[in-house]
Amino acid sequence: MPKINVQGSGHAGPAPLPGGHQYLVYPNAHPHYLQTLKHSIHIIDTKIKSYQPCNDAFRALPGGRTLLQVWSDPDVWINFDPSLNHGDYGATRGKDITITAFSLRMGYWTVAATLVHELAHVNGASGTTHDAEGTLHSCLLKNLEDPAIIGQIVQASKVRMA
């Protein structure tokens, strides 16, 4: 399962690009953010990662791995972004995912959907199509799929915003 960037983890997330997302340690000042993230991880770990239609949808992405394989990748990290901008849920840079405070305030189902979406980018989903968001339909999160979400990847640094 992805690792969480917490105090003492020793992980240094990528430096933010100008105007880009931050990849920070989960703040001790807001323990409810970490609690929400852990609840979301539990949902994915117990209900979604082994769901065959979800794994099939992930296998069809350019990276060719199932959600279970991406979920088991020891190099995937989940970081914190303090952004409270409406509609700003998270981003991916390589194997570093960041979840925004906006998403965390929306609740654990939104965070679970954001994580699945971002994991699709880790697995090669384009930032110019609906492919990453489209995985939600097959991953028991179809009620959270937003047809307007496309995302953006800056290829040189693998930044994805949704």
N, C-alpha and C. Protein backbone atom coordinates (compact mmCIF):
# COMPACT_ATOMS: atom_id res chain seq x y z
N MET A 1 0.85 -1.17 0.00
CA MET A 1 0.00 0.00 0.00
C MET A 1 0.89 1.23 0.00
N PRO A 2 0.42 2.32 -0.58
CA PRO A 2 1.25 3.54 -0.60
C PRO A 2 1.63 3.97 0.81
N LYS A 3 2.77 4.61 0.89
CA LYS A 3 3.24 5.14 2.17
C LYS A 3 2.72 6.56 2.33
N ILE A 4 2.50 6.95 3.59
CA ILE A 4 2.04 8.30 3.89
C ILE A 4 3.22 9.12 4.39
N ASN A 5 3.34 10.31 3.85
CA ASN A 5 4.40 11.22 4.26
C ASN A 5 4.00 11.89 5.57
N VAL A 6 4.49 11.33 6.68
CA VAL A 6 4.21 11.85 8.02
C VAL A 6 5.53 12.23 8.68
N GLN A 7 5.43 12.97 9.77
CA GLN A 7 6.62 13.32 10.54
C GLN A 7 7.41 12.05 10.83
N GLY A 8 8.70 12.09 10.56
CA GLY A 8 9.57 10.95 10.85
C GLY A 8 9.64 9.91 9.75
N SER A 9 8.87 10.08 8.66
CA SER A 9 8.91 9.09 7.58
C SER A 9 10.20 9.16 6.78
N GLY A 10 10.85 10.32 6.83
CA GLY A 10 12.08 10.50 6.09
C GLY A 10 11.88 10.78 4.62
N HIS A 11 10.63 10.94 4.20
CA HIS A 11 10.36 11.20 2.78
C HIS A 11 10.33 12.69 2.50
N ALA A 12 11.02 13.09 1.47
CA ALA A 12 10.97 14.47 1.01
C ALA A 12 10.24 14.47 -0.32
N GLY A 13 9.02 15.00 -0.31
CA GLY A 13 8.26 15.08 -1.55
C GLY A 13 8.92 16.02 -2.52
N PRO A 14 8.50 15.97 -3.79
CA PRO A 14 9.09 16.86 -4.78
C PRO A 14 8.84 18.33 -4.45
N ALA A 15 9.77 19.16 -4.86
CA ALA A 15 9.59 20.61 -4.68
C ALA A 15 8.46 21.06 -5.60
N PRO A 16 7.65 22.01 -5.14
CA PRO A 16 6.56 22.48 -5.99
C PRO A 16 7.09 23.27 -7.18
N LEU A 17 6.43 23.12 -8.29
CA LEU A 17 6.72 23.96 -9.44
C LEU A 17 6.06 25.31 -9.20
N PRO A 18 6.48 26.36 -9.87
CA PRO A 18 5.84 27.66 -9.69
C PRO A 18 4.32 27.56 -9.89
N GLY A 19 3.58 27.95 -8.88
CA GLY A 19 2.13 27.88 -8.94
C GLY A 19 1.58 26.48 -8.84
N GLY A 20 2.44 25.51 -8.56
CA GLY A 20 2.02 24.11 -8.53
C GLY A 20 1.67 23.61 -7.14
N HIS A 21 1.34 22.35 -7.09
CA HIS A 21 0.97 21.71 -5.84
C HIS A 21 2.19 21.48 -4.94
N GLN A 22 1.90 21.38 -3.65
CA GLN A 22 2.94 21.09 -2.67
C GLN A 22 2.85 19.62 -2.26
N TYR A 23 3.98 19.06 -1.91
CA TYR A 23 4.09 17.65 -1.51
C TYR A 23 4.72 17.62 -0.13
N LEU A 24 3.89 17.85 0.88
CA LEU A 24 4.35 18.07 2.23
C LEU A 24 4.01 16.92 3.16
N VAL A 25 4.60 16.97 4.35
CA VAL A 25 4.29 16.04 5.44
C VAL A 25 2.88 16.38 5.95
N TYR A 26 2.12 15.34 6.35
CA TYR A 26 0.80 15.59 6.95
C TYR A 26 0.99 16.34 8.26
N PRO A 27 0.30 17.46 8.42
CA PRO A 27 0.55 18.34 9.58
C PRO A 27 -0.05 17.80 10.88
N ASN A 28 0.74 17.86 11.94
CA ASN A 28 0.24 17.45 13.25
C ASN A 28 -0.87 18.37 13.74
N ALA A 29 -0.88 19.61 13.24
CA ALA A 29 -1.88 20.58 13.67
C ALA A 29 -3.28 20.22 13.18
N HIS A 30 -3.39 19.34 12.20
CA HIS A 30 -4.69 18.93 11.65
C HIS A 30 -4.78 17.41 11.63
N PRO A 31 -4.89 16.77 12.80
CA PRO A 31 -4.91 15.30 12.83
C PRO A 31 -6.11 14.70 12.09
N HIS A 32 -7.18 15.48 11.93
CA HIS A 32 -8.35 14.96 11.22
C HIS A 32 -8.04 14.72 9.74
N TYR A 33 -7.09 15.46 9.15
CA TYR A 33 -6.71 15.21 7.77
C TYR A 33 -6.10 13.82 7.63
N LEU A 34 -5.19 13.49 8.52
CA LEU A 34 -4.55 12.18 8.47
C LEU A 34 -5.57 11.07 8.76
N GLN A 35 -6.47 11.32 9.68
CA GLN A 35 -7.52 10.35 10.00
C GLN A 35 -8.42 10.10 8.78
N THR A 36 -8.78 11.16 8.07
CA THR A 36 -9.60 11.03 6.86
C THR A 36 -8.85 10.23 5.80
N LEU A 37 -7.56 10.55 5.61
CA LEU A 37 -6.75 9.82 4.64
C LEU A 37 -6.69 8.34 4.98
N LYS A 38 -6.44 8.02 6.24
CA LYS A 38 -6.33 6.61 6.65
C LYS A 38 -7.65 5.86 6.45
N HIS A 39 -8.78 6.53 6.68
CA HIS A 39 -10.09 5.91 6.44
C HIS A 39 -10.25 5.63 4.95
N SER A 40 -9.83 6.55 4.11
CA SER A 40 -9.90 6.38 2.66
C SER A 40 -9.02 5.22 2.21
N ILE A 41 -7.85 5.13 2.76
CA ILE A 41 -6.93 4.03 2.44
C ILE A 41 -7.56 2.70 2.84
N HIS A 42 -8.21 2.68 3.99
CA HIS A 42 -8.89 1.46 4.45
C HIS A 42 -9.97 1.03 3.45
N ILE A 43 -10.72 1.98 2.93
CA ILE A 43 -11.76 1.66 1.94
C ILE A 43 -11.13 1.02 0.71
N ILE A 44 -10.07 1.63 0.20
CA ILE A 44 -9.40 1.08 -0.98
C ILE A 44 -8.80 -0.29 -0.66
N ASP A 45 -8.19 -0.41 0.49
CA ASP A 45 -7.53 -1.65 0.89
C ASP A 45 -8.51 -2.80 1.07
N THR A 46 -9.70 -2.54 1.58
CA THR A 46 -10.63 -3.62 1.89
C THR A 46 -11.72 -3.83 0.85
N LYS A 47 -12.03 -2.82 0.02
CA LYS A 47 -13.16 -2.96 -0.90
C LYS A 47 -12.78 -2.81 -2.37
N ILE A 48 -11.76 -2.03 -2.68
CA ILE A 48 -11.54 -1.65 -4.07
C ILE A 48 -10.34 -2.33 -4.72
N LYS A 49 -9.23 -2.48 -4.01
CA LYS A 49 -7.99 -2.93 -4.66
C LYS A 49 -8.09 -4.33 -5.27
N SER A 50 -8.98 -5.16 -4.79
CA SER A 50 -9.11 -6.52 -5.32
C SER A 50 -10.35 -6.69 -6.18
N TYR A 51 -11.07 -5.62 -6.45
CA TYR A 51 -12.29 -5.68 -7.26
C TYR A 51 -11.90 -5.83 -8.73
N GLN A 52 -12.26 -6.95 -9.33
CA GLN A 52 -11.77 -7.30 -10.67
C GLN A 52 -12.07 -6.26 -11.74
N PRO A 53 -13.30 -5.70 -11.82
CA PRO A 53 -13.53 -4.67 -12.85
C PRO A 53 -12.60 -3.46 -12.70
N CYS A 54 -12.24 -3.12 -11.49
CA CYS A 54 -11.32 -2.02 -11.25
C CYS A 54 -9.92 -2.40 -11.73
N ASN A 55 -9.49 -3.59 -11.41
CA ASN A 55 -8.18 -4.05 -11.86
C ASN A 55 -8.11 -4.14 -13.38
N ASP A 56 -9.21 -4.53 -14.00
CA ASP A 56 -9.25 -4.58 -15.46
C ASP A 56 -9.13 -3.18 -16.05
N ALA A 57 -9.82 -2.20 -15.45
CA ALA A 57 -9.75 -0.82 -15.93
C ALA A 57 -8.33 -0.28 -15.80
N PHE A 58 -7.66 -0.58 -14.72
CA PHE A 58 -6.28 -0.14 -14.52
C PHE A 58 -5.32 -0.83 -15.50
N ARG A 59 -5.54 -2.12 -15.74
CA ARG A 59 -4.68 -2.85 -16.65
C ARG A 59 -4.75 -2.26 -18.06
N ALA A 60 -5.88 -1.66 -18.42
CA ALA A 60 -6.07 -1.07 -19.75
C ALA A 60 -5.34 0.28 -19.90
N LEU A 61 -4.85 0.85 -18.81
CA LEU A 61 -4.12 2.12 -18.87
C LEU A 61 -2.73 1.89 -19.45
N PRO A 62 -2.06 2.95 -19.91
CA PRO A 62 -0.74 2.79 -20.54
C PRO A 62 0.31 2.07 -19.69
N GLY A 63 0.23 2.18 -18.36
CA GLY A 63 1.20 1.49 -17.50
C GLY A 63 1.00 0.00 -17.46
N GLY A 64 -0.22 -0.48 -17.81
CA GLY A 64 -0.50 -1.90 -17.89
C GLY A 64 -0.59 -2.65 -16.57
N ARG A 65 -0.53 -1.94 -15.45
CA ARG A 65 -0.61 -2.61 -14.15
C ARG A 65 -2.04 -2.54 -13.62
N THR A 66 -2.39 -3.50 -12.79
CA THR A 66 -3.69 -3.47 -12.12
C THR A 66 -3.62 -2.48 -10.96
N LEU A 67 -4.78 -2.12 -10.43
CA LEU A 67 -4.78 -1.27 -9.23
C LEU A 67 -4.04 -1.97 -8.11
N LEU A 68 -4.25 -3.26 -7.96
CA LEU A 68 -3.56 -4.00 -6.90
C LEU A 68 -2.04 -3.90 -7.05
N GLN A 69 -1.54 -3.96 -8.27
CA GLN A 69 -0.10 -3.83 -8.49
C GLN A 69 0.40 -2.42 -8.18
N VAL A 70 -0.35 -1.42 -8.60
CA VAL A 70 0.05 -0.03 -8.32
C VAL A 70 -0.03 0.21 -6.81
N TRP A 71 -1.09 -0.28 -6.18
CA TRP A 71 -1.29 -0.13 -4.74
C TRP A 71 -0.15 -0.77 -3.96
N SER A 72 0.42 -1.84 -4.48
CA SER A 72 1.49 -2.58 -3.80
C SER A 72 2.88 -2.03 -4.10
N ASP A 73 2.98 -1.04 -4.96
CA ASP A 73 4.26 -0.46 -5.34
C ASP A 73 4.87 0.26 -4.13
N PRO A 74 6.03 -0.17 -3.65
CA PRO A 74 6.62 0.42 -2.44
C PRO A 74 7.15 1.84 -2.63
N ASP A 75 7.18 2.31 -3.86
CA ASP A 75 7.71 3.65 -4.13
C ASP A 75 6.63 4.72 -4.23
N VAL A 76 5.36 4.36 -4.06
CA VAL A 76 4.28 5.34 -4.14
C VAL A 76 4.09 5.99 -2.76
N TRP A 77 4.07 7.32 -2.76
CA TRP A 77 3.91 8.10 -1.53
C TRP A 77 2.69 9.01 -1.63
N ILE A 78 2.03 9.20 -0.50
CA ILE A 78 0.90 10.15 -0.42
C ILE A 78 1.34 11.31 0.46
N ASN A 79 1.28 12.50 -0.12
CA ASN A 79 1.71 13.73 0.54
C ASN A 79 0.51 14.63 0.80
N PHE A 80 0.76 15.74 1.45
CA PHE A 80 -0.27 16.73 1.80
C PHE A 80 -0.05 18.03 1.05
N ASP A 81 -1.14 18.60 0.56
CA ASP A 81 -1.12 19.92 -0.07
C ASP A 81 -2.15 20.78 0.67
N PRO A 82 -1.75 21.92 1.24
CA PRO A 82 -2.68 22.74 2.02
C PRO A 82 -3.70 23.53 1.19
N SER A 83 -3.72 23.34 -0.13
CA SER A 83 -4.64 24.10 -0.97
C SER A 83 -6.09 23.87 -0.56
N LEU A 84 -6.81 24.98 -0.43
CA LEU A 84 -8.25 24.93 -0.16
C LEU A 84 -9.03 25.44 -1.37
N ASN A 85 -8.38 25.51 -2.52
CA ASN A 85 -9.04 26.00 -3.73
C ASN A 85 -10.15 25.06 -4.14
N HIS A 86 -11.32 25.61 -4.38
CA HIS A 86 -12.49 24.82 -4.79
C HIS A 86 -12.17 24.04 -6.07
N GLY A 87 -12.45 22.75 -6.04
CA GLY A 87 -12.23 21.90 -7.20
C GLY A 87 -10.82 21.38 -7.36
N ASP A 88 -9.94 21.71 -6.43
CA ASP A 88 -8.55 21.26 -6.47
C ASP A 88 -8.43 20.07 -5.52
N TYR A 89 -8.35 18.87 -6.07
CA TYR A 89 -8.39 17.65 -5.26
C TYR A 89 -7.03 17.05 -4.98
N GLY A 90 -6.16 17.07 -5.97
CA GLY A 90 -4.87 16.43 -5.77
C GLY A 90 -4.02 16.52 -7.02
N ALA A 91 -2.87 15.91 -6.96
CA ALA A 91 -1.94 15.92 -8.09
C ALA A 91 -0.98 14.75 -7.96
N THR A 92 -0.32 14.45 -9.06
CA THR A 92 0.65 13.37 -9.09
C THR A 92 1.89 13.84 -9.82
N ARG A 93 3.02 13.52 -9.24
CA ARG A 93 4.32 13.78 -9.86
C ARG A 93 5.13 12.51 -9.73
N GLY A 94 5.27 11.80 -10.83
CA GLY A 94 5.95 10.51 -10.77
C GLY A 94 5.16 9.55 -9.92
N LYS A 95 5.75 9.12 -8.82
CA LYS A 95 5.05 8.22 -7.89
C LYS A 95 4.68 8.93 -6.60
N ASP A 96 4.75 10.25 -6.61
CA ASP A 96 4.33 11.06 -5.47
C ASP A 96 2.96 11.65 -5.75
N ILE A 97 2.02 11.30 -4.90
CA ILE A 97 0.65 11.82 -4.97
C ILE A 97 0.51 12.85 -3.85
N THR A 98 -0.23 13.91 -4.12
CA THR A 98 -0.57 14.83 -3.05
C THR A 98 -2.08 15.00 -3.01
N ILE A 99 -2.63 15.06 -1.82
CA ILE A 99 -4.06 15.25 -1.62
C ILE A 99 -4.25 16.60 -0.95
N THR A 100 -5.13 17.41 -1.50
CA THR A 100 -5.32 18.76 -0.99
C THR A 100 -6.20 18.78 0.25
N ALA A 101 -6.04 19.86 1.01
CA ALA A 101 -6.91 20.08 2.17
C ALA A 101 -8.36 20.20 1.71
N PHE A 102 -8.59 20.77 0.52
CA PHE A 102 -9.95 20.86 -0.03
C PHE A 102 -10.57 19.47 -0.12
N SER A 103 -9.84 18.53 -0.71
CA SER A 103 -10.33 17.16 -0.85
C SER A 103 -10.55 16.52 0.52
N LEU A 104 -9.59 16.69 1.41
CA LEU A 104 -9.70 16.09 2.75
C LEU A 104 -10.90 16.63 3.51
N ARG A 105 -11.23 17.89 3.31
CA ARG A 105 -12.41 18.47 3.96
C ARG A 105 -13.71 17.94 3.38
N MET A 106 -13.65 17.44 2.15
CA MET A 106 -14.85 16.88 1.50
C MET A 106 -15.22 15.53 2.11
N GLY A 107 -14.25 14.83 2.70
CA GLY A 107 -14.54 13.56 3.35
C GLY A 107 -13.83 12.38 2.73
N TYR A 108 -13.93 11.24 3.41
CA TYR A 108 -13.14 10.08 3.04
C TYR A 108 -13.53 9.45 1.71
N TRP A 109 -14.80 9.54 1.29
CA TRP A 109 -15.17 9.00 -0.02
C TRP A 109 -14.55 9.81 -1.14
N THR A 110 -14.55 11.15 -0.98
CA THR A 110 -13.90 12.01 -1.98
C THR A 110 -12.41 11.73 -2.04
N VAL A 111 -11.79 11.54 -0.89
CA VAL A 111 -10.36 11.24 -0.86
C VAL A 111 -10.09 9.88 -1.48
N ALA A 112 -10.92 8.89 -1.22
CA ALA A 112 -10.74 7.58 -1.85
C ALA A 112 -10.82 7.71 -3.38
N ALA A 113 -11.79 8.48 -3.87
CA ALA A 113 -11.92 8.68 -5.31
C ALA A 113 -10.71 9.43 -5.86
N THR A 114 -10.24 10.42 -5.13
CA THR A 114 -9.07 11.19 -5.56
C THR A 114 -7.84 10.28 -5.61
N LEU A 115 -7.68 9.43 -4.62
CA LEU A 115 -6.54 8.50 -4.62
C LEU A 115 -6.60 7.55 -5.81
N VAL A 116 -7.75 6.98 -6.09
CA VAL A 116 -7.87 6.07 -7.23
C VAL A 116 -7.54 6.82 -8.52
N HIS A 117 -8.08 8.03 -8.66
CA HIS A 117 -7.79 8.86 -9.83
C HIS A 117 -6.28 9.10 -9.96
N GLU A 118 -5.66 9.51 -8.87
CA GLU A 118 -4.22 9.81 -8.91
C GLU A 118 -3.39 8.55 -9.15
N LEU A 119 -3.81 7.43 -8.60
CA LEU A 119 -3.10 6.17 -8.86
C LEU A 119 -3.19 5.78 -10.33
N ALA A 120 -4.28 6.16 -10.98
CA ALA A 120 -4.39 5.92 -12.42
C ALA A 120 -3.31 6.71 -13.17
N HIS A 121 -3.02 7.93 -12.69
CA HIS A 121 -1.94 8.71 -13.31
C HIS A 121 -0.58 8.06 -13.03
N VAL A 122 -0.40 7.52 -11.84
CA VAL A 122 0.84 6.78 -11.55
C VAL A 122 0.99 5.64 -12.56
N ASN A 123 -0.14 5.08 -12.99
CA ASN A 123 -0.16 3.97 -13.94
C ASN A 123 -0.21 4.45 -15.39
N GLY A 124 0.08 5.71 -15.62
CA GLY A 124 0.22 6.20 -16.98
C GLY A 124 -0.98 6.86 -17.62
N ALA A 125 -2.08 7.03 -16.88
CA ALA A 125 -3.26 7.69 -17.46
C ALA A 125 -2.89 9.11 -17.88
N SER A 126 -3.35 9.48 -19.03
CA SER A 126 -3.06 10.79 -19.60
C SER A 126 -3.74 11.90 -18.81
N GLY A 127 -3.12 13.06 -18.86
CA GLY A 127 -3.72 14.25 -18.25
C GLY A 127 -4.57 15.01 -19.23
N THR A 128 -4.68 14.52 -20.47
CA THR A 128 -5.47 15.22 -21.48
C THR A 128 -6.75 14.48 -21.84
N THR A 129 -7.01 13.38 -21.12
CA THR A 129 -8.23 12.61 -21.37
C THR A 129 -8.96 12.41 -20.04
N HIS A 130 -10.06 11.73 -20.12
CA HIS A 130 -10.87 11.42 -18.94
C HIS A 130 -10.47 10.05 -18.34
N ASP A 131 -9.39 9.46 -18.84
CA ASP A 131 -9.04 8.09 -18.46
C ASP A 131 -8.87 7.89 -16.95
N ALA A 132 -8.17 8.79 -16.28
CA ALA A 132 -7.94 8.61 -14.84
C ALA A 132 -9.26 8.71 -14.08
N GLU A 133 -10.03 9.73 -14.37
CA GLU A 133 -11.33 9.91 -13.69
C GLU A 133 -12.28 8.78 -14.07
N GLY A 134 -12.16 8.29 -15.31
CA GLY A 134 -13.01 7.21 -15.78
C GLY A 134 -12.83 5.91 -15.02
N THR A 135 -11.69 5.72 -14.38
CA THR A 135 -11.50 4.48 -13.61
C THR A 135 -12.47 4.41 -12.43
N LEU A 136 -12.94 5.55 -11.96
CA LEU A 136 -13.87 5.54 -10.82
C LEU A 136 -15.12 4.73 -11.13
N HIS A 137 -15.55 4.77 -12.39
CA HIS A 137 -16.76 4.05 -12.80
C HIS A 137 -16.61 2.54 -12.55
N SER A 138 -15.42 2.02 -12.75
CA SER A 138 -15.17 0.58 -12.59
C SER A 138 -14.65 0.21 -11.20
N CYS A 139 -14.41 1.22 -10.37
CA CYS A 139 -13.77 0.98 -9.07
C CYS A 139 -14.70 1.27 -7.89
N LEU A 140 -15.97 0.98 -8.07
CA LEU A 140 -16.97 1.13 -7.00
C LEU A 140 -17.14 2.58 -6.55
N LEU A 141 -16.76 3.53 -7.40
CA LEU A 141 -16.84 4.95 -7.05
C LEU A 141 -17.56 5.74 -8.13
N LYS A 142 -18.43 5.08 -8.90
CA LYS A 142 -19.04 5.74 -10.06
C LYS A 142 -19.87 6.96 -9.69
N ASN A 143 -20.42 7.01 -8.49
CA ASN A 143 -21.20 8.18 -8.07
C ASN A 143 -20.32 9.40 -7.84
N LEU A 144 -19.01 9.20 -7.75
CA LEU A 144 -18.08 10.31 -7.53
C LEU A 144 -17.35 10.71 -8.81
N GLU A 145 -17.60 9.99 -9.89
CA GLU A 145 -16.96 10.34 -11.17
C GLU A 145 -17.53 11.66 -11.67
N ASP A 146 -16.65 12.56 -12.05
CA ASP A 146 -17.04 13.87 -12.57
C ASP A 146 -16.63 13.94 -14.03
N PRO A 147 -17.61 13.99 -14.95
CA PRO A 147 -17.27 14.00 -16.37
C PRO A 147 -16.46 15.23 -16.80
N ALA A 148 -16.43 16.26 -15.98
CA ALA A 148 -15.70 17.48 -16.33
C ALA A 148 -14.22 17.40 -15.96
N ILE A 149 -13.85 16.41 -15.15
CA ILE A 149 -12.46 16.33 -14.71
C ILE A 149 -11.61 15.65 -15.77
N ILE A 150 -10.62 16.35 -16.20
CA ILE A 150 -9.65 15.83 -17.16
C ILE A 150 -8.29 15.76 -16.47
N GLY A 151 -7.75 16.88 -16.06
CA GLY A 151 -6.45 16.90 -15.41
C GLY A 151 -5.40 17.47 -16.33
N GLN A 152 -4.22 17.53 -15.84
CA GLN A 152 -3.11 18.09 -16.62
C GLN A 152 -1.83 17.41 -16.18
N ILE A 153 -1.03 17.05 -17.13
CA ILE A 153 0.29 16.52 -16.81
C ILE A 153 1.31 17.40 -17.51
N VAL A 154 2.28 17.87 -16.76
CA VAL A 154 3.42 18.55 -17.35
C VAL A 154 4.48 17.48 -17.46
N GLN A 155 4.72 17.00 -18.66
CA GLN A 155 5.51 15.80 -18.91
C GLN A 155 6.90 15.85 -18.26
N ALA A 156 7.57 16.97 -18.31
CA ALA A 156 8.93 17.02 -17.79
C ALA A 156 8.99 16.71 -16.31
N SER A 157 7.95 17.04 -15.59
CA SER A 157 7.99 16.81 -14.15
C SER A 157 6.83 15.97 -13.66
N LYS A 158 5.99 15.48 -14.57
CA LYS A 158 4.87 14.61 -14.23
C LYS A 158 3.93 15.24 -13.20
N VAL A 159 3.49 16.44 -13.43
CA VAL A 159 2.54 17.09 -12.55
C VAL A 159 1.16 16.84 -13.09
N ARG A 160 0.23 16.43 -12.25
CA ARG A 160 -1.15 16.18 -12.64
C ARG A 160 -2.06 16.93 -11.69
N MET A 161 -2.96 17.69 -12.23
CA MET A 161 -3.89 18.45 -11.40
C MET A 161 -5.31 18.10 -11.79
N ALA A 162 -6.15 17.95 -10.80
CA ALA A 162 -7.57 17.73 -11.07
C ALA A 162 -8.38 18.48 -10.06
